[in-house]
Amino acid sequence: MKWKFVLIIFSIILICCISHNESIVFYENKTHIVFTDDFGFVVSVKKYPKRIVSLAPSNTEILFALGLKDRIVGVTDYCNYPPDVLELKRSKRIESVGGYSTVDVEKVVRLRPDLVVASYGNGIGVVKALKSFGITVICLNPKSIEDIIRDIEILGKVCGVEENASKLVELIKLRIELIREDEHNWKPRIVHIVWSDPIWVSGKNTFIDDAIEIAGGVNAVNESGWVVLSLEDLIRINPDIIIVNSGNGMSSSGENIIYESIIESDVLRNLKAVKCGNVYVIDADVISRPSYRLVYAIEEISKIIDVAYERERICVSS
C-alpha cells in the first residue's frame, strides 16, 4: 500500500513538473524505476526487463547499441539495423510484429514482453491496447538531438545498462561538438523532402530541423512538424539546398525516386537548388530515424553545405 501511495504522489509531481526537454527525474526503489516518458505517461518499469519488444527501427538501433541484443524478442518489419537484426529475424530468434504503423498487438502479447518500447508513429491506440494487457510500455517521441540523448539515457537506466548509455551519449556529444566547430562560408536555406507524392517535408520542431541547424544551415520551412508542400510552395520557398531521402523515402533500397522526381520535373527546373546542382540524397534510414545514427546525417549535411557553396558560387557567376 505504501508503494502504491508513493507511486501516485510521484506521478502527480512528474506530470506537473517535467517537460520534454528537461532533465529526467527517476524515482527508484529495489524493484522498480518510475519516470515520465515522451508521451507524458508516468511509467513504472520492473528491474530489469529481460524480454523487450521494439516498435520502431530507431528504438531497435538504440537498444542494440546499448548491448541489449540478447534481451530483444520482437521488432518491426522495418527494423534492419544493425545487420544482426536481419539475421536474428531470419533465424526466428527475434520475431517480427508487423509494420511501424500496423503493429500486430496480439503477436506482441504472445511474446510475453516485460517491456515494449513504442514510438509516436505506432499510434496511441496501439499503446493503449498493449497497456490494457498489463504490458509495460515506454513511448518515445524525440524532437531534437537532446531528446534522443534523453531517450538513450532512459533506456540505459531502465534496462540496467547506464554505463553503455553514457558511452553512447558521450560519442554523440563529441561528434556534434566537432561539427559545430566547422566554419562555413554561408548559412544556406535547406529543405528536407521525406516523400514526393505529395511532397512531405521536415518542418520546425522536428529532429531534422535540429539536425539542419547543428550542421550549419537553416530550415527553409517555417511550419512545425512534418508538412505537405505544393509545387507552388516549394517554388516560393526556393531553397539553396534540397536534401531528399534515398530510395522511396521510407526505405533506403531501390531507385532514388524522390531525387529523380525533383531533378526531372519541368515545373521545378528553375529552382535555385536544381539549377545549381544542389539536390542531394542521404540514406533514408540514417536521416529519418531519431537514433544515435542521426549524427552521421548531420556530418553529411555539414559537408554538403561546403560543397553546395562552391556550386552556388560557380552557378551564380556563370
Protein backbone atom coordinates (compact mmCIF):
# COMPACT_ATOMS: atom_id res chain seq x y z
CA MET A 1 0.00 0.00 0.00
CA LYS A 2 2.84 2.37 0.87
CA TRP A 3 4.48 1.70 -2.51
CA LYS A 4 1.26 2.46 -4.37
CA PHE A 5 0.77 5.69 -2.44
CA VAL A 6 4.33 6.83 -3.18
CA LEU A 7 3.83 5.99 -6.87
CA ILE A 8 0.64 8.08 -7.05
CA ILE A 9 2.27 11.09 -5.39
CA PHE A 10 5.36 10.82 -7.55
CA SER A 11 3.21 10.54 -10.67
CA ILE A 12 1.45 13.80 -9.84
CA ILE A 13 4.78 15.55 -9.28
CA LEU A 14 6.17 14.28 -12.59
CA ILE A 15 3.12 15.27 -14.60
CA CYS A 16 3.15 18.77 -13.16
CA CYS A 17 6.86 19.44 -13.28
CA ILE A 18 8.56 17.61 -16.14
CA SER A 19 8.66 18.99 -19.66
CA HIS A 20 10.03 17.14 -22.67
CA ASN A 21 13.36 18.96 -22.71
CA GLU A 22 14.17 18.99 -19.00
CA SER A 23 16.45 16.58 -17.16
CA ILE A 24 14.96 13.19 -16.43
CA VAL A 25 13.72 12.60 -12.90
CA PHE A 26 13.64 8.99 -11.78
CA TYR A 27 12.10 7.51 -8.65
CA GLU A 28 13.74 4.22 -7.80
CA ASN A 29 13.45 1.50 -5.18
CA LYS A 30 14.76 -2.07 -5.05
CA THR A 31 12.35 -3.40 -7.66
CA HIS A 32 11.06 -0.54 -9.85
CA ILE A 33 12.08 2.62 -11.70
CA VAL A 34 9.46 5.32 -12.31
CA PHE A 35 9.71 8.25 -14.73
CA THR A 36 7.74 10.20 -17.35
CA ASP A 37 8.09 9.15 -20.99
CA ASP A 38 7.85 11.31 -24.13
CA PHE A 39 4.06 10.94 -24.29
CA GLY A 40 3.73 12.31 -20.77
CA PHE A 41 2.82 8.91 -19.33
CA VAL A 42 4.22 8.02 -15.92
CA VAL A 43 5.81 4.61 -16.37
CA SER A 44 6.86 2.09 -13.74
CA VAL A 45 9.41 -0.41 -15.05
CA LYS A 46 10.35 -3.51 -13.08
CA LYS A 47 14.10 -4.04 -12.79
CA TYR A 48 15.38 -5.18 -15.25
CA PRO A 49 13.49 -6.13 -18.42
CA LYS A 50 14.53 -9.46 -19.94
CA ARG A 51 12.06 -9.67 -22.84
CA ILE A 52 11.92 -6.44 -24.86
CA VAL A 53 9.85 -5.63 -27.94
CA SER A 54 10.82 -2.61 -30.07
CA LEU A 55 8.12 -0.99 -32.20
CA ALA A 56 10.34 1.35 -34.24
CA PRO A 57 13.61 0.98 -36.20
CA SER A 58 15.14 3.88 -34.25
CA ASN A 59 14.38 2.18 -30.93
CA THR A 60 15.88 -1.08 -32.20
CA GLU A 61 19.08 0.70 -33.24
CA ILE A 62 19.46 2.26 -29.80
CA LEU A 63 18.68 -0.97 -27.92
CA PHE A 64 21.31 -2.87 -29.92
CA ALA A 65 23.85 -0.08 -29.41
CA LEU A 66 23.25 -0.38 -25.67
CA GLY A 67 24.21 -4.05 -25.80
CA LEU A 68 20.69 -5.41 -25.31
CA LYS A 69 20.60 -7.73 -28.32
CA ASP A 70 20.04 -10.86 -26.25
CA ARG A 71 17.02 -9.35 -24.49
CA ILE A 72 15.11 -8.31 -27.62
CA VAL A 73 12.36 -10.75 -28.63
CA GLY A 74 10.39 -8.66 -31.13
CA VAL A 75 10.89 -5.85 -33.66
CA THR A 76 9.00 -4.40 -36.64
CA ASP A 77 9.18 -5.44 -40.29
CA TYR A 78 11.20 -2.28 -40.96
CA CYS A 79 13.90 -2.87 -38.35
CA ASN A 80 17.03 -3.60 -40.40
CA TYR A 81 19.94 -2.14 -38.45
CA PRO A 82 22.36 -3.24 -37.21
CA PRO A 83 22.71 -6.10 -39.74
CA ASP A 84 22.43 -8.58 -36.85
CA VAL A 85 18.71 -7.76 -36.69
CA LEU A 86 18.03 -9.24 -40.11
CA GLU A 87 19.91 -12.44 -39.30
CA LEU A 88 18.11 -12.80 -35.97
CA LYS A 89 14.77 -12.34 -37.70
CA ARG A 90 15.65 -14.92 -40.37
CA SER A 91 16.61 -17.44 -37.69
CA LYS A 92 13.40 -16.68 -35.74
CA ARG A 93 15.39 -15.73 -32.64
CA ILE A 94 13.61 -12.38 -32.93
CA GLU A 95 10.02 -12.18 -34.13
CA SER A 96 8.64 -9.52 -36.46
CA VAL A 97 5.46 -8.00 -35.03
CA GLY A 98 4.20 -6.08 -38.07
CA GLY A 99 4.77 -2.68 -39.57
CA TYR A 100 5.64 0.59 -37.90
CA SER A 101 2.05 1.86 -38.05
CA THR A 102 0.43 -1.59 -38.35
CA VAL A 103 1.62 -3.35 -35.21
CA ASP A 104 0.08 -6.76 -34.59
CA VAL A 105 -0.92 -6.31 -30.95
CA GLU A 106 -1.83 -9.98 -30.47
CA LYS A 107 1.58 -11.04 -31.73
CA VAL A 108 3.28 -8.68 -29.30
CA VAL A 109 1.20 -10.07 -26.41
CA ARG A 110 2.11 -13.66 -27.35
CA LEU A 111 5.80 -12.79 -26.98
CA ARG A 112 5.17 -12.09 -23.26
CA PRO A 113 7.34 -8.95 -23.11
CA ASP A 114 8.13 -7.29 -19.82
CA LEU A 115 8.87 -4.07 -21.74
CA VAL A 116 7.65 -2.62 -25.04
CA VAL A 117 9.47 0.42 -26.44
CA ALA A 118 6.93 2.25 -28.60
CA SER A 119 7.12 5.33 -30.81
CA TYR A 120 4.86 8.16 -31.95
CA GLY A 121 4.17 6.51 -35.30
CA ASN A 122 2.69 3.40 -33.67
CA GLY A 123 -0.40 5.37 -32.67
CA ILE A 124 -1.93 5.91 -29.26
CA GLY A 125 -4.44 3.12 -29.94
CA VAL A 126 -1.67 0.51 -30.08
CA VAL A 127 -0.14 1.84 -26.87
CA LYS A 128 -3.45 1.74 -25.01
CA ALA A 129 -4.20 -1.76 -26.32
CA LEU A 130 -0.86 -3.09 -25.07
CA LYS A 131 -1.31 -1.42 -21.69
CA SER A 132 -4.76 -3.00 -21.38
CA PHE A 133 -2.97 -6.39 -21.31
CA GLY A 134 -0.86 -5.21 -18.39
CA ILE A 135 2.25 -4.73 -20.52
CA THR A 136 4.73 -2.02 -19.56
CA VAL A 137 5.14 0.42 -22.45
CA ILE A 138 7.65 3.25 -22.82
CA CYS A 139 6.67 5.78 -25.51
CA LEU A 140 9.42 7.74 -27.26
CA ASN A 141 8.91 10.80 -29.45
CA PRO A 142 12.17 12.77 -29.68
CA LYS A 143 12.01 16.15 -31.43
CA SER A 144 15.68 17.10 -31.13
CA ILE A 145 19.14 15.67 -30.59
CA GLU A 146 18.79 16.45 -26.89
CA ASP A 147 15.58 14.42 -26.81
CA ILE A 148 17.34 11.49 -28.50
CA ILE A 149 20.05 11.68 -25.85
CA ARG A 150 17.38 11.78 -23.16
CA ASP A 151 15.73 8.66 -24.56
CA ILE A 152 19.06 6.82 -24.70
CA GLU A 153 19.58 7.69 -21.04
CA ILE A 154 16.07 6.48 -20.18
CA LEU A 155 16.59 3.12 -21.88
CA GLY A 156 20.02 2.78 -20.29
CA LYS A 157 18.58 3.42 -16.85
CA VAL A 158 15.51 1.17 -17.00
CA CYS A 159 17.44 -1.70 -18.63
CA GLY A 160 20.36 -1.51 -16.20
CA VAL A 161 23.00 -0.55 -18.78
CA GLU A 162 23.70 3.04 -17.74
CA GLU A 163 27.42 2.76 -18.46
CA ASN A 164 26.75 1.76 -22.06
CA ALA A 165 24.25 4.61 -22.41
CA SER A 166 26.77 7.12 -21.05
CA LYS A 167 29.39 6.00 -23.56
CA LEU A 168 26.95 6.30 -26.45
CA VAL A 169 25.81 9.75 -25.31
CA GLU A 170 29.40 10.95 -24.98
CA LEU A 171 30.14 9.75 -28.52
CA ILE A 172 27.14 11.69 -29.86
CA LYS A 173 28.10 14.85 -27.97
CA LEU A 174 31.72 14.66 -29.12
CA ARG A 175 30.77 14.33 -32.77
CA ILE A 176 28.26 17.18 -32.52
CA GLU A 177 30.88 19.37 -30.87
CA LEU A 178 33.26 18.71 -33.77
CA ILE A 179 30.50 19.51 -36.29
CA ARG A 180 29.71 22.82 -34.56
CA GLU A 181 33.40 23.76 -34.73
CA ASP A 182 33.29 23.68 -38.54
CA GLU A 183 33.07 27.15 -40.07
CA HIS A 184 31.02 27.54 -43.26
CA ASN A 185 31.06 30.38 -45.77
CA TRP A 186 27.29 30.64 -45.73
CA LYS A 187 24.18 29.60 -43.84
CA PRO A 188 22.03 28.10 -46.60
CA ARG A 189 18.26 27.67 -46.51
CA ILE A 190 17.59 23.95 -46.69
CA VAL A 191 14.51 21.86 -47.43
CA HIS A 192 14.46 18.20 -46.45
CA ILE A 193 11.99 16.12 -48.50
CA VAL A 194 10.78 12.87 -46.97
CA TRP A 195 8.25 11.85 -49.62
CA SER A 196 7.47 13.12 -53.11
CA ASP A 197 3.80 12.40 -53.85
CA PRO A 198 2.64 14.54 -52.18
CA ILE A 199 5.73 16.47 -51.13
CA TRP A 200 6.25 15.83 -47.41
CA VAL A 201 8.96 17.90 -45.74
CA SER A 202 10.51 18.28 -42.30
CA GLY A 203 9.37 21.49 -40.63
CA LYS A 204 10.29 23.28 -37.43
CA ASN A 205 10.36 21.49 -34.07
CA THR A 206 11.49 18.18 -35.58
CA PHE A 207 14.75 16.33 -35.06
CA ILE A 208 15.58 17.03 -38.73
CA ASP A 209 15.13 20.76 -38.08
CA ASP A 210 17.61 20.42 -35.22
CA ALA A 211 19.99 18.43 -37.42
CA ILE A 212 19.97 21.14 -40.12
CA GLU A 213 20.72 23.84 -37.54
CA ILE A 214 23.58 21.88 -35.95
CA ALA A 215 25.09 21.23 -39.39
CA GLY A 216 25.15 24.97 -40.11
CA GLY A 217 22.04 25.55 -42.18
CA VAL A 218 18.55 26.99 -41.74
CA ASN A 219 15.36 25.05 -42.26
CA ALA A 220 13.55 26.94 -45.02
CA VAL A 221 10.18 25.51 -43.94
CA ASN A 222 8.50 27.64 -41.29
CA GLU A 223 5.60 25.35 -40.36
CA SER A 224 6.00 22.97 -37.43
CA GLY A 225 6.16 19.20 -37.74
CA TRP A 226 6.07 17.20 -40.95
CA VAL A 227 4.01 19.09 -43.51
CA VAL A 228 2.84 18.79 -47.12
CA LEU A 229 4.02 21.36 -49.68
CA SER A 230 2.54 22.00 -53.08
CA LEU A 231 4.86 22.56 -56.04
CA GLU A 232 3.95 26.24 -55.78
CA ASP A 233 5.02 26.27 -52.13
CA LEU A 234 8.39 24.77 -52.99
CA ILE A 235 8.88 27.28 -55.82
CA ARG A 236 8.00 30.13 -53.46
CA ILE A 237 10.47 28.90 -50.82
CA ASN A 238 13.20 28.42 -53.48
CA PRO A 239 15.77 26.84 -51.13
CA ASP A 240 19.53 26.96 -51.59
CA ILE A 241 19.81 23.24 -50.92
CA ILE A 242 17.35 20.37 -51.21
CA ILE A 243 18.08 17.17 -49.30
CA VAL A 244 15.98 14.12 -50.15
CA ASN A 245 15.64 10.68 -48.61
CA SER A 246 17.14 7.83 -50.56
CA GLY A 247 15.03 5.11 -52.15
CA ASN A 248 11.32 5.76 -51.98
CA GLY A 249 11.73 7.90 -48.88
CA MET A 250 10.70 5.32 -46.33
CA SER A 251 13.30 2.75 -47.35
CA SER A 252 16.90 3.23 -48.45
CA SER A 253 16.74 0.43 -51.02
CA GLY A 254 15.80 0.71 -54.68
CA GLU A 255 15.89 3.68 -57.04
CA ASN A 256 16.09 7.20 -55.64
CA ILE A 257 12.52 8.06 -56.58
CA ILE A 258 12.35 11.40 -54.74
CA TYR A 259 15.61 12.63 -56.22
CA GLU A 260 14.52 11.73 -59.75
CA SER A 261 11.12 13.39 -59.29
CA ILE A 262 12.79 16.68 -58.27
CA ILE A 263 15.55 16.95 -60.87
CA GLU A 264 13.37 15.70 -63.74
CA SER A 265 10.43 17.99 -63.01
CA ASP A 266 9.82 20.68 -65.64
CA VAL A 267 7.95 22.71 -63.03
CA LEU A 268 10.91 22.74 -60.61
CA ARG A 269 13.76 23.18 -63.09
CA ASN A 270 14.19 26.88 -62.23
CA LEU A 271 14.61 26.27 -58.52
CA LYS A 272 17.96 27.60 -57.37
CA ALA A 273 18.93 24.24 -55.85
CA VAL A 274 18.04 22.37 -59.05
CA LYS A 275 19.79 24.81 -61.41
CA CYS A 276 22.98 24.82 -59.34
CA GLY A 277 23.09 21.06 -58.80
CA ASN A 278 22.40 21.34 -55.10
CA VAL A 279 19.93 18.49 -54.69
CA TYR A 280 21.44 15.74 -52.54
CA VAL A 281 20.47 12.24 -51.44
CA ILE A 282 21.00 10.99 -47.88
CA ASP A 283 20.30 7.45 -46.71
CA ALA A 284 16.67 7.45 -45.56
CA ASP A 285 17.42 5.02 -42.74
CA VAL A 286 20.05 7.36 -41.32
CA ILE A 287 18.39 10.77 -41.65
CA SER A 288 14.78 9.83 -40.86
CA ARG A 289 15.34 7.74 -37.74
CA PRO A 290 15.75 9.53 -34.40
CA SER A 291 18.55 7.30 -33.17
CA TYR A 292 22.23 7.83 -32.45
CA ARG A 293 22.96 7.43 -36.19
CA LEU A 294 21.33 10.81 -36.88
CA VAL A 295 24.70 12.34 -36.06
CA TYR A 296 26.08 10.68 -39.22
CA ALA A 297 23.43 12.51 -41.25
CA ILE A 298 24.36 15.79 -39.56
CA GLU A 299 28.00 15.24 -40.53
CA GLU A 300 26.90 14.61 -44.11
CA ILE A 301 24.74 17.76 -44.19
CA SER A 302 27.69 19.78 -42.90
CA LYS A 303 29.84 18.51 -45.78
CA ILE A 304 27.03 19.16 -48.26
CA ILE A 305 26.87 22.79 -47.13
CA ASP A 306 30.50 23.32 -48.16
CA VAL A 307 30.13 21.53 -51.50
CA ALA A 308 26.92 23.41 -52.24
CA TYR A 309 28.59 26.76 -51.53
CA GLU A 310 31.14 26.16 -54.28
CA ARG A 311 28.45 25.02 -56.73
CA GLU A 312 26.29 28.03 -55.92
CA ARG A 313 29.23 30.39 -56.41
CA ILE A 314 30.10 28.91 -59.80
CA CYS A 315 26.43 28.76 -60.80
CA VAL A 316 25.77 32.41 -59.97
CA SER A 317 28.93 33.65 -61.70
CA SER A 318 28.36 31.69 -64.92
